[in-house]
Amino acid sequence: SLPLDLYPIGMATDLTFYGVSSAFGGYI
């Protein structure tokens, strides 16, 4: 989905979204 220069920040965003949503998901 992303150009090579944006891959690290893209992966970081991916992990962040999954982590935050998992934390909210457990509470919900």
mmCIF file of all heavy atoms, coordinates in Angstrom:
data_MODEL
# 
_entry.id   MODEL 
# 
loop_
_atom_site.group_PDB 
_atom_site.id 
_atom_site.type_symbol 
_atom_site.label_atom_id 
_atom_site.label_alt_id 
_atom_site.label_comp_id 
_atom_site.label_asym_id 
_atom_site.label_entity_id 
_atom_site.label_seq_id 
_atom_site.pdbx_PDB_ins_code 
_atom_site.Cartn_x 
_atom_site.Cartn_y 
_atom_site.Cartn_z 
_atom_site.occupancy 
_atom_site.B_iso_or_equiv 
_atom_site.pdbx_formal_charge 
_atom_site.auth_seq_id 
_atom_site.auth_comp_id 
_atom_site.auth_asym_id 
_atom_site.auth_atom_id 
_atom_site.pdbx_PDB_model_num 
ATOM 1   N N   . SER A 1 1  ? 0.796   -1.226 0.000  1.00 0.00 ? 1  SER A N   1 
ATOM 2   C CA  . SER A 1 1  ? 0.000   0.000  0.000  1.00 0.00 ? 1  SER A CA  1 
ATOM 3   C C   . SER A 1 1  ? 0.828   1.276  0.000  1.00 0.00 ? 1  SER A C   1 
ATOM 4   O O   . SER A 1 1  ? 0.345   2.326  -0.439 1.00 0.00 ? 1  SER A O   1 
ATOM 5   C CB  . SER A 1 1  ? -0.928  0.024  1.223  1.00 0.00 ? 1  SER A CB  1 
ATOM 6   O OG  . SER A 1 1  ? -1.761  -1.116 1.260  1.00 0.00 ? 1  SER A OG  1 
ATOM 7   N N   . LEU A 1 2  ? 2.056   1.212  0.519  1.00 0.00 ? 2  LEU A N   1 
ATOM 8   C CA  . LEU A 1 2  ? 2.858   2.424  0.706  1.00 0.00 ? 2  LEU A CA  1 
ATOM 9   C C   . LEU A 1 2  ? 4.161   2.364  -0.072 1.00 0.00 ? 2  LEU A C   1 
ATOM 10  O O   . LEU A 1 2  ? 4.690   1.276  -0.317 1.00 0.00 ? 2  LEU A O   1 
ATOM 11  C CB  . LEU A 1 2  ? 3.178   2.609  2.199  1.00 0.00 ? 2  LEU A CB  1 
ATOM 12  C CG  . LEU A 1 2  ? 1.994   2.784  3.153  1.00 0.00 ? 2  LEU A CG  1 
ATOM 13  C CD1 . LEU A 1 2  ? 2.492   2.863  4.589  1.00 0.00 ? 2  LEU A CD1 1 
ATOM 14  C CD2 . LEU A 1 2  ? 1.193   4.024  2.805  1.00 0.00 ? 2  LEU A CD2 1 
ATOM 15  N N   . PRO A 1 3  ? 4.719   3.527  -0.430 1.00 0.00 ? 3  PRO A N   1 
ATOM 16  C CA  . PRO A 1 3  ? 6.063   3.546  -1.018 1.00 0.00 ? 3  PRO A CA  1 
ATOM 17  C C   . PRO A 1 3  ? 7.095   3.125  0.014  1.00 0.00 ? 3  PRO A C   1 
ATOM 18  O O   . PRO A 1 3  ? 6.842   3.164  1.224  1.00 0.00 ? 3  PRO A O   1 
ATOM 19  C CB  . PRO A 1 3  ? 6.246   5.013  -1.433 1.00 0.00 ? 3  PRO A CB  1 
ATOM 20  C CG  . PRO A 1 3  ? 5.256   5.779  -0.618 1.00 0.00 ? 3  PRO A CG  1 
ATOM 21  C CD  . PRO A 1 3  ? 4.107   4.868  -0.388 1.00 0.00 ? 3  PRO A CD  1 
ATOM 22  N N   . LEU A 1 4  ? 8.267   2.735  -0.446 1.00 0.00 ? 4  LEU A N   1 
ATOM 23  C CA  . LEU A 1 4  ? 9.286   2.156  0.428  1.00 0.00 ? 4  LEU A CA  1 
ATOM 24  C C   . LEU A 1 4  ? 9.694   3.088  1.551  1.00 0.00 ? 4  LEU A C   1 
ATOM 25  O O   . LEU A 1 4  ? 9.918   2.652  2.684  1.00 0.00 ? 4  LEU A O   1 
ATOM 26  C CB  . LEU A 1 4  ? 10.513  1.769  -0.409 1.00 0.00 ? 4  LEU A CB  1 
ATOM 27  C CG  . LEU A 1 4  ? 11.656  1.053  0.331  1.00 0.00 ? 4  LEU A CG  1 
ATOM 28  C CD1 . LEU A 1 4  ? 11.145  -0.241 0.950  1.00 0.00 ? 4  LEU A CD1 1 
ATOM 29  C CD2 . LEU A 1 4  ? 12.801  0.766  -0.625 1.00 0.00 ? 4  LEU A CD2 1 
ATOM 30  N N   . ASP A 1 5  ? 9.794   4.397  1.285  1.00 0.00 ? 5  ASP A N   1 
ATOM 31  C CA  . ASP A 1 5  ? 10.259  5.323  2.312  1.00 0.00 ? 5  ASP A CA  1 
ATOM 32  C C   . ASP A 1 5  ? 9.250   5.495  3.451  1.00 0.00 ? 5  ASP A C   1 
ATOM 33  O O   . ASP A 1 5  ? 9.614   5.928  4.541  1.00 0.00 ? 5  ASP A O   1 
ATOM 34  C CB  . ASP A 1 5  ? 10.586  6.687  1.688  1.00 0.00 ? 5  ASP A CB  1 
ATOM 35  C CG  . ASP A 1 5  ? 9.362   7.302  1.008  1.00 0.00 ? 5  ASP A CG  1 
ATOM 36  O OD1 . ASP A 1 5  ? 8.595   6.547  0.379  1.00 0.00 ? 5  ASP A OD1 1 
ATOM 37  O OD2 . ASP A 1 5  ? 9.180   8.529  1.099  1.00 0.00 ? 5  ASP A OD2 1 
ATOM 38  N N   . LEU A 1 6  ? 7.983   5.142  3.213  1.00 0.00 ? 6  LEU A N   1 
ATOM 39  C CA  . LEU A 1 6  ? 6.958   5.254  4.249  1.00 0.00 ? 6  LEU A CA  1 
ATOM 40  C C   . LEU A 1 6  ? 6.678   3.921  4.938  1.00 0.00 ? 6  LEU A C   1 
ATOM 41  O O   . LEU A 1 6  ? 5.815   3.854  5.830  1.00 0.00 ? 6  LEU A O   1 
ATOM 42  C CB  . LEU A 1 6  ? 5.655   5.795  3.645  1.00 0.00 ? 6  LEU A CB  1 
ATOM 43  C CG  . LEU A 1 6  ? 5.680   7.231  3.116  1.00 0.00 ? 6  LEU A CG  1 
ATOM 44  C CD1 . LEU A 1 6  ? 4.328   7.598  2.522  1.00 0.00 ? 6  LEU A CD1 1 
ATOM 45  C CD2 . LEU A 1 6  ? 6.051   8.209  4.228  1.00 0.00 ? 6  LEU A CD2 1 
ATOM 46  N N   . TYR A 1 7  ? 7.385   2.865  4.545  1.00 0.00 ? 7  TYR A N   1 
ATOM 47  C CA  . TYR A 1 7  ? 7.104   1.540  5.118  1.00 0.00 ? 7  TYR A CA  1 
ATOM 48  C C   . TYR A 1 7  ? 7.324   1.494  6.639  1.00 0.00 ? 7  TYR A C   1 
ATOM 49  O O   . TYR A 1 7  ? 6.460   0.977  7.364  1.00 0.00 ? 7  TYR A O   1 
ATOM 50  C CB  . TYR A 1 7  ? 7.945   0.469  4.428  1.00 0.00 ? 7  TYR A CB  1 
ATOM 51  C CG  . TYR A 1 7  ? 7.749   -0.911 5.015  1.00 0.00 ? 7  TYR A CG  1 
ATOM 52  C CD1 . TYR A 1 7  ? 6.625   -1.665 4.717  1.00 0.00 ? 7  TYR A CD1 1 
ATOM 53  C CD2 . TYR A 1 7  ? 8.682   -1.455 5.903  1.00 0.00 ? 7  TYR A CD2 1 
ATOM 54  C CE1 . TYR A 1 7  ? 6.425   -2.921 5.272  1.00 0.00 ? 7  TYR A CE1 1 
ATOM 55  C CE2 . TYR A 1 7  ? 8.501   -2.707 6.461  1.00 0.00 ? 7  TYR A CE2 1 
ATOM 56  C CZ  . TYR A 1 7  ? 7.366   -3.443 6.141  1.00 0.00 ? 7  TYR A CZ  1 
ATOM 57  O OH  . TYR A 1 7  ? 7.187   -4.669 6.704  1.00 0.00 ? 7  TYR A OH  1 
ATOM 58  N N   . PRO A 1 8  ? 8.460   2.017  7.185  1.00 0.00 ? 8  PRO A N   1 
ATOM 59  C CA  . PRO A 1 8  ? 8.637   1.943  8.651  1.00 0.00 ? 8  PRO A CA  1 
ATOM 60  C C   . PRO A 1 8  ? 7.524   2.643  9.429  1.00 0.00 ? 8  PRO A C   1 
ATOM 61  O O   . PRO A 1 8  ? 6.995   2.090  10.391 1.00 0.00 ? 8  PRO A O   1 
ATOM 62  C CB  . PRO A 1 8  ? 9.999   2.627  8.860  1.00 0.00 ? 8  PRO A CB  1 
ATOM 63  C CG  . PRO A 1 8  ? 10.719  2.454  7.571  1.00 0.00 ? 8  PRO A CG  1 
ATOM 64  C CD  . PRO A 1 8  ? 9.649   2.571  6.527  1.00 0.00 ? 8  PRO A CD  1 
ATOM 65  N N   . ILE A 1 9  ? 7.154   3.863  9.023  1.00 0.00 ? 9  ILE A N   1 
ATOM 66  C CA  . ILE A 1 9  ? 6.093   4.577  9.741  1.00 0.00 ? 9  ILE A CA  1 
ATOM 67  C C   . ILE A 1 9  ? 4.752   3.888  9.529  1.00 0.00 ? 9  ILE A C   1 
ATOM 68  O O   . ILE A 1 9  ? 3.889   3.886  10.412 1.00 0.00 ? 9  ILE A O   1 
ATOM 69  C CB  . ILE A 1 9  ? 6.040   6.057  9.299  1.00 0.00 ? 9  ILE A CB  1 
ATOM 70  C CG1 . ILE A 1 9  ? 5.117   6.857  10.225 1.00 0.00 ? 9  ILE A CG1 1 
ATOM 71  C CG2 . ILE A 1 9  ? 5.567   6.195  7.863  1.00 0.00 ? 9  ILE A CG2 1 
ATOM 72  C CD1 . ILE A 1 9  ? 5.639   7.023  11.609 1.00 0.00 ? 9  ILE A CD1 1 
ATOM 73  N N   . GLY A 1 10 ? 4.573   3.255  8.383  1.00 0.00 ? 10 GLY A N   1 
ATOM 74  C CA  . GLY A 1 10 ? 3.348   2.496  8.144  1.00 0.00 ? 10 GLY A CA  1 
ATOM 75  C C   . GLY A 1 10 ? 3.225   1.295  9.060  1.00 0.00 ? 10 GLY A C   1 
ATOM 76  O O   . GLY A 1 10 ? 2.155   1.024  9.624  1.00 0.00 ? 10 GLY A O   1 
ATOM 77  N N   . MET A 1 11 ? 4.337   0.566  9.245  1.00 0.00 ? 11 MET A N   1 
ATOM 78  C CA  . MET A 1 11 ? 4.330   -0.597 10.145 1.00 0.00 ? 11 MET A CA  1 
ATOM 79  C C   . MET A 1 11 ? 4.105   -0.164 11.583 1.00 0.00 ? 11 MET A C   1 
ATOM 80  O O   . MET A 1 11 ? 3.400   -0.822 12.355 1.00 0.00 ? 11 MET A O   1 
ATOM 81  C CB  . MET A 1 11 ? 5.674   -1.328 10.048 1.00 0.00 ? 11 MET A CB  1 
ATOM 82  C CG  . MET A 1 11 ? 5.777   -2.593 9.255  1.00 0.00 ? 11 MET A CG  1 
ATOM 83  S SD  . MET A 1 11 ? 4.357   -3.604 8.919  1.00 0.00 ? 11 MET A SD  1 
ATOM 84  C CE  . MET A 1 11 ? 3.911   -4.258 10.485 1.00 0.00 ? 11 MET A CE  1 
ATOM 85  N N   . ALA A 1 12 ? 4.731   0.970  11.957 1.00 0.00 ? 12 ALA A N   1 
ATOM 86  C CA  . ALA A 1 12 ? 4.548   1.494  13.311 1.00 0.00 ? 12 ALA A CA  1 
ATOM 87  C C   . ALA A 1 12 ? 3.083   1.860  13.557 1.00 0.00 ? 12 ALA A C   1 
ATOM 88  O O   . ALA A 1 12 ? 2.526   1.572  14.617 1.00 0.00 ? 12 ALA A O   1 
ATOM 89  C CB  . ALA A 1 12 ? 5.441   2.722  13.519 1.00 0.00 ? 12 ALA A CB  1 
ATOM 90  N N   . THR A 1 13 ? 2.451   2.477  12.569 1.00 0.00 ? 13 THR A N   1 
ATOM 91  C CA  . THR A 1 13 ? 1.039   2.838  12.686 1.00 0.00 ? 13 THR A CA  1 
ATOM 92  C C   . THR A 1 13 ? 0.158   1.595  12.765 1.00 0.00 ? 13 THR A C   1 
ATOM 93  O O   . THR A 1 13 ? -0.815  1.548  13.530 1.00 0.00 ? 13 THR A O   1 
ATOM 94  C CB  . THR A 1 13 ? 0.615   3.699  11.485 1.00 0.00 ? 13 THR A CB  1 
ATOM 95  O OG1 . THR A 1 13 ? 1.485   4.830  11.380 1.00 0.00 ? 13 THR A OG1 1 
ATOM 96  C CG2 . THR A 1 13 ? -0.821  4.189  11.633 1.00 0.00 ? 13 THR A CG2 1 
ATOM 97  N N   . ASP A 1 14 ? 0.495   0.574  11.999 1.00 0.00 ? 14 ASP A N   1 
ATOM 98  C CA  . ASP A 1 14 ? -0.244  -0.690 12.008 1.00 0.00 ? 14 ASP A CA  1 
ATOM 99  C C   . ASP A 1 14 ? -0.235  -1.300 13.411 1.00 0.00 ? 14 ASP A C   1 
ATOM 100 O O   . ASP A 1 14 ? -1.287  -1.664 13.968 1.00 0.00 ? 14 ASP A O   1 
ATOM 101 C CB  . ASP A 1 14 ? 0.382   -1.646 10.985 1.00 0.00 ? 14 ASP A CB  1 
ATOM 102 C CG  . ASP A 1 14 ? -0.264  -3.021 10.991 1.00 0.00 ? 14 ASP A CG  1 
ATOM 103 O OD1 . ASP A 1 14 ? -1.388  -3.151 11.508 1.00 0.00 ? 14 ASP A OD1 1 
ATOM 104 O OD2 . ASP A 1 14 ? 0.358   -3.965 10.473 1.00 0.00 ? 14 ASP A OD2 1 
ATOM 105 N N   . LEU A 1 15 ? 0.956   -1.417 14.002 1.00 0.00 ? 15 LEU A N   1 
ATOM 106 C CA  . LEU A 1 15 ? 1.074   -2.000 15.336 1.00 0.00 ? 15 LEU A CA  1 
ATOM 107 C C   . LEU A 1 15 ? 0.347   -1.153 16.371 1.00 0.00 ? 15 LEU A C   1 
ATOM 108 O O   . LEU A 1 15 ? -0.280  -1.678 17.301 1.00 0.00 ? 15 LEU A O   1 
ATOM 109 C CB  . LEU A 1 15 ? 2.554   -2.145 15.712 1.00 0.00 ? 15 LEU A CB  1 
ATOM 110 C CG  . LEU A 1 15 ? 3.364   -3.156 14.891 1.00 0.00 ? 15 LEU A CG  1 
ATOM 111 C CD1 . LEU A 1 15 ? 4.833   -3.101 15.271 1.00 0.00 ? 15 LEU A CD1 1 
ATOM 112 C CD2 . LEU A 1 15 ? 2.825   -4.565 15.081 1.00 0.00 ? 15 LEU A CD2 1 
ATOM 113 N N   . THR A 1 16 ? 0.425   0.174  16.224 1.00 0.00 ? 16 THR A N   1 
ATOM 114 C CA  . THR A 1 16 ? -0.245  1.073  17.182 1.00 0.00 ? 16 THR A CA  1 
ATOM 115 C C   . THR A 1 16 ? -1.756  0.912  17.118 1.00 0.00 ? 16 THR A C   1 
ATOM 116 O O   . THR A 1 16 ? -2.427  0.809  18.157 1.00 0.00 ? 16 THR A O   1 
ATOM 117 C CB  . THR A 1 16 ? 0.144   2.534  16.898 1.00 0.00 ? 16 THR A CB  1 
ATOM 118 O OG1 . THR A 1 16 ? 1.559   2.684  17.058 1.00 0.00 ? 16 THR A OG1 1 
ATOM 119 C CG2 . THR A 1 16 ? -0.571  3.481  17.854 1.00 0.00 ? 16 THR A CG2 1 
ATOM 120 N N   . PHE A 1 17 ? -2.309  0.883  15.923 1.00 0.00 ? 17 PHE A N   1 
ATOM 121 C CA  . PHE A 1 17 ? -3.757  0.721  15.768 1.00 0.00 ? 17 PHE A CA  1 
ATOM 122 C C   . PHE A 1 17 ? -4.217  -0.605 16.379 1.00 0.00 ? 17 PHE A C   1 
ATOM 123 O O   . PHE A 1 17 ? -5.242  -0.667 17.069 1.00 0.00 ? 17 PHE A O   1 
ATOM 124 C CB  . PHE A 1 17 ? -4.133  0.786  14.289 1.00 0.00 ? 17 PHE A CB  1 
ATOM 125 C CG  . PHE A 1 17 ? -4.586  2.134  13.839 1.00 0.00 ? 17 PHE A CG  1 
ATOM 126 C CD1 . PHE A 1 17 ? -3.729  3.218  13.894 1.00 0.00 ? 17 PHE A CD1 1 
ATOM 127 C CD2 . PHE A 1 17 ? -5.872  2.342  13.358 1.00 0.00 ? 17 PHE A CD2 1 
ATOM 128 C CE1 . PHE A 1 17 ? -4.134  4.474  13.489 1.00 0.00 ? 17 PHE A CE1 1 
ATOM 129 C CE2 . PHE A 1 17 ? -6.299  3.595  12.955 1.00 0.00 ? 17 PHE A CE2 1 
ATOM 130 C CZ  . PHE A 1 17 ? -5.421  4.674  13.021 1.00 0.00 ? 17 PHE A CZ  1 
ATOM 131 N N   . TYR A 1 18 ? -3.454  -1.665 16.124 1.00 0.00 ? 18 TYR A N   1 
ATOM 132 C CA  . TYR A 1 18 ? -3.850  -2.976 16.642 1.00 0.00 ? 18 TYR A CA  1 
ATOM 133 C C   . TYR A 1 18 ? -3.761  -3.009 18.169 1.00 0.00 ? 18 TYR A C   1 
ATOM 134 O O   . TYR A 1 18 ? -4.643  -3.552 18.842 1.00 0.00 ? 18 TYR A O   1 
ATOM 135 C CB  . TYR A 1 18 ? -2.974  -4.066 16.043 1.00 0.00 ? 18 TYR A CB  1 
ATOM 136 C CG  . TYR A 1 18 ? -3.394  -5.459 16.438 1.00 0.00 ? 18 TYR A CG  1 
ATOM 137 C CD1 . TYR A 1 18 ? -4.533  -6.045 15.896 1.00 0.00 ? 18 TYR A CD1 1 
ATOM 138 C CD2 . TYR A 1 18 ? -2.677  -6.179 17.389 1.00 0.00 ? 18 TYR A CD2 1 
ATOM 139 C CE1 . TYR A 1 18 ? -4.941  -7.315 16.273 1.00 0.00 ? 18 TYR A CE1 1 
ATOM 140 C CE2 . TYR A 1 18 ? -3.076  -7.453 17.775 1.00 0.00 ? 18 TYR A CE2 1 
ATOM 141 C CZ  . TYR A 1 18 ? -4.214  -8.015 17.214 1.00 0.00 ? 18 TYR A CZ  1 
ATOM 142 O OH  . TYR A 1 18 ? -4.606  -9.252 17.602 1.00 0.00 ? 18 TYR A OH  1 
ATOM 143 N N   . GLY A 1 19 ? -2.702  -2.410 18.716 1.00 0.00 ? 19 GLY A N   1 
ATOM 144 C CA  . GLY A 1 19 ? -2.541  -2.405 20.163 1.00 0.00 ? 19 GLY A CA  1 
ATOM 145 C C   . GLY A 1 19 ? -3.621  -1.607 20.874 1.00 0.00 ? 19 GLY A C   1 
ATOM 146 O O   . GLY A 1 19 ? -4.210  -2.064 21.858 1.00 0.00 ? 19 GLY A O   1 
ATOM 147 N N   . VAL A 1 20 ? -3.904  -0.399 20.370 1.00 0.00 ? 20 VAL A N   1 
ATOM 148 C CA  . VAL A 1 20 ? -4.925  0.451  20.994 1.00 0.00 ? 20 VAL A CA  1 
ATOM 149 C C   . VAL A 1 20 ? -6.310  -0.194 20.881 1.00 0.00 ? 20 VAL A C   1 
ATOM 150 O O   . VAL A 1 20 ? -7.081  -0.221 21.848 1.00 0.00 ? 20 VAL A O   1 
ATOM 151 C CB  . VAL A 1 20 ? -4.926  1.844  20.336 1.00 0.00 ? 20 VAL A CB  1 
ATOM 152 C CG1 . VAL A 1 20 ? -6.105  2.676  20.829 1.00 0.00 ? 20 VAL A CG1 1 
ATOM 153 C CG2 . VAL A 1 20 ? -3.612  2.567  20.643 1.00 0.00 ? 20 VAL A CG2 1 
ATOM 154 N N   . SER A 1 21 ? -6.615  -0.726 19.705 1.00 0.00 ? 21 SER A N   1 
ATOM 155 C CA  . SER A 1 21 ? -7.937  -1.334 19.520 1.00 0.00 ? 21 SER A CA  1 
ATOM 156 C C   . SER A 1 21 ? -8.092  -2.591 20.369 1.00 0.00 ? 21 SER A C   1 
ATOM 157 O O   . SER A 1 21 ? -9.186  -2.872 20.868 1.00 0.00 ? 21 SER A O   1 
ATOM 158 C CB  . SER A 1 21 ? -8.160  -1.670 18.038 1.00 0.00 ? 21 SER A CB  1 
ATOM 159 O OG  . SER A 1 21 ? -7.218  -2.623 17.576 1.00 0.00 ? 21 SER A OG  1 
ATOM 160 N N   . SER A 1 22 ? -7.007  -3.350 20.552 1.00 0.00 ? 22 SER A N   1 
ATOM 161 C CA  . SER A 1 22 ? -7.072  -4.544 21.407 1.00 0.00 ? 22 SER A CA  1 
ATOM 162 C C   . SER A 1 22 ? -7.372  -4.163 22.854 1.00 0.00 ? 22 SER A C   1 
ATOM 163 O O   . SER A 1 22 ? -8.137  -4.839 23.546 1.00 0.00 ? 22 SER A O   1 
ATOM 164 C CB  . SER A 1 22 ? -5.757  -5.328 21.334 1.00 0.00 ? 22 SER A CB  1 
ATOM 165 O OG  . SER A 1 22 ? -5.542  -5.830 20.039 1.00 0.00 ? 22 SER A OG  1 
ATOM 166 N N   . ALA A 1 23 ? -6.740  -3.068 23.305 1.00 0.00 ? 23 ALA A N   1 
ATOM 167 C CA  . ALA A 1 23 ? -6.981  -2.618 24.681 1.00 0.00 ? 23 ALA A CA  1 
ATOM 168 C C   . ALA A 1 23 ? -8.436  -2.194 24.857 1.00 0.00 ? 23 ALA A C   1 
ATOM 169 O O   . ALA A 1 23 ? -9.091  -2.553 25.842 1.00 0.00 ? 23 ALA A O   1 
ATOM 170 C CB  . ALA A 1 23 ? -6.039  -1.465 25.017 1.00 0.00 ? 23 ALA A CB  1 
ATOM 171 N N   . PHE A 1 24 ? -8.966  -1.437 23.902 1.00 0.00 ? 24 PHE A N   1 
ATOM 172 C CA  . PHE A 1 24 ? -10.367 -1.024 23.968 1.00 0.00 ? 24 PHE A CA  1 
ATOM 173 C C   . PHE A 1 24 ? -11.301 -2.224 23.832 1.00 0.00 ? 24 PHE A C   1 
ATOM 174 O O   . PHE A 1 24 ? -12.349 -2.292 24.485 1.00 0.00 ? 24 PHE A O   1 
ATOM 175 C CB  . PHE A 1 24 ? -10.677 -0.016 22.856 1.00 0.00 ? 24 PHE A CB  1 
ATOM 176 C CG  . PHE A 1 24 ? -10.311 1.390  23.212 1.00 0.00 ? 24 PHE A CG  1 
ATOM 177 C CD1 . PHE A 1 24 ? -9.258  2.022  22.571 1.00 0.00 ? 24 PHE A CD1 1 
ATOM 178 C CD2 . PHE A 1 24 ? -11.005 2.082  24.191 1.00 0.00 ? 24 PHE A CD2 1 
ATOM 179 C CE1 . PHE A 1 24 ? -8.910  3.322  22.899 1.00 0.00 ? 24 PHE A CE1 1 
ATOM 180 C CE2 . PHE A 1 24 ? -10.667 3.386  24.528 1.00 0.00 ? 24 PHE A CE2 1 
ATOM 181 C CZ  . PHE A 1 24 ? -9.611  4.009  23.875 1.00 0.00 ? 24 PHE A CZ  1 
ATOM 182 N N   . GLY A 1 25 ? -10.902 -3.173 22.963 1.00 0.00 ? 25 GLY A N   1 
ATOM 183 C CA  . GLY A 1 25 ? -11.756 -4.332 22.718 1.00 0.00 ? 25 GLY A CA  1 
ATOM 184 C C   . GLY A 1 25 ? -11.988 -5.168 23.958 1.00 0.00 ? 25 GLY A C   1 
ATOM 185 O O   . GLY A 1 25 ? -13.097 -5.659 24.195 1.00 0.00 ? 25 GLY A O   1 
ATOM 186 N N   . GLY A 1 26 ? -10.928 -5.352 24.755 1.00 0.00 ? 26 GLY A N   1 
ATOM 187 C CA  . GLY A 1 26 ? -11.084 -6.117 25.985 1.00 0.00 ? 26 GLY A CA  1 
ATOM 188 C C   . GLY A 1 26 ? -12.073 -5.477 26.940 1.00 0.00 ? 26 GLY A C   1 
ATOM 189 O O   . GLY A 1 26 ? -12.910 -6.151 27.557 1.00 0.00 ? 26 GLY A O   1 
ATOM 190 N N   . TYR A 1 27 ? -12.014 -4.153 27.047 1.00 0.00 ? 27 TYR A N   1 
ATOM 191 C CA  . TYR A 1 27 ? -12.947 -3.434 27.923 1.00 0.00 ? 27 TYR A CA  1 
ATOM 192 C C   . TYR A 1 27 ? -14.375 -3.523 27.391 1.00 0.00 ? 27 TYR A C   1 
ATOM 193 O O   . TYR A 1 27 ? -15.326 -3.755 28.146 1.00 0.00 ? 27 TYR A O   1 
ATOM 194 C CB  . TYR A 1 27 ? -12.519 -1.974 28.049 1.00 0.00 ? 27 TYR A CB  1 
ATOM 195 C CG  . TYR A 1 27 ? -13.509 -1.126 28.806 1.00 0.00 ? 27 TYR A CG  1 
ATOM 196 C CD1 . TYR A 1 27 ? -13.568 -1.163 30.202 1.00 0.00 ? 27 TYR A CD1 1 
ATOM 197 C CD2 . TYR A 1 27 ? -14.405 -0.297 28.129 1.00 0.00 ? 27 TYR A CD2 1 
ATOM 198 C CE1 . TYR A 1 27 ? -14.481 -0.393 30.896 1.00 0.00 ? 27 TYR A CE1 1 
ATOM 199 C CE2 . TYR A 1 27 ? -15.319 0.477  28.817 1.00 0.00 ? 27 TYR A CE2 1 
ATOM 200 C CZ  . TYR A 1 27 ? -15.354 0.428  30.206 1.00 0.00 ? 27 TYR A CZ  1 
ATOM 201 O OH  . TYR A 1 27 ? -16.265 1.189  30.887 1.00 0.00 ? 27 TYR A OH  1 
ATOM 202 N N   . ILE A 1 28 ? -14.535 -3.336 26.079 1.00 0.00 ? 28 ILE A N   1 
ATOM 203 C CA  . ILE A 1 28 ? -15.877 -3.365 25.477 1.00 0.00 ? 28 ILE A CA  1 
ATOM 204 C C   . ILE A 1 28 ? -16.501 -4.761 25.608 1.00 0.00 ? 28 ILE A C   1 
ATOM 205 O O   . ILE A 1 28 ? -17.688 -4.900 25.895 1.00 0.00 ? 28 ILE A O   1 
ATOM 206 C CB  . ILE A 1 28 ? -15.803 -2.944 23.998 1.00 0.00 ? 28 ILE A CB  1 
ATOM 207 C CG1 . ILE A 1 28 ? -15.426 -1.464 23.901 1.00 0.00 ? 28 ILE A CG1 1 
ATOM 208 C CG2 . ILE A 1 28 ? -17.134 -3.186 23.283 1.00 0.00 ? 28 ILE A CG2 1 
ATOM 209 C CD1 . ILE A 1 28 ? -15.163 -0.991 22.492 1.00 0.00 ? 28 ILE A CD1 1 
# 
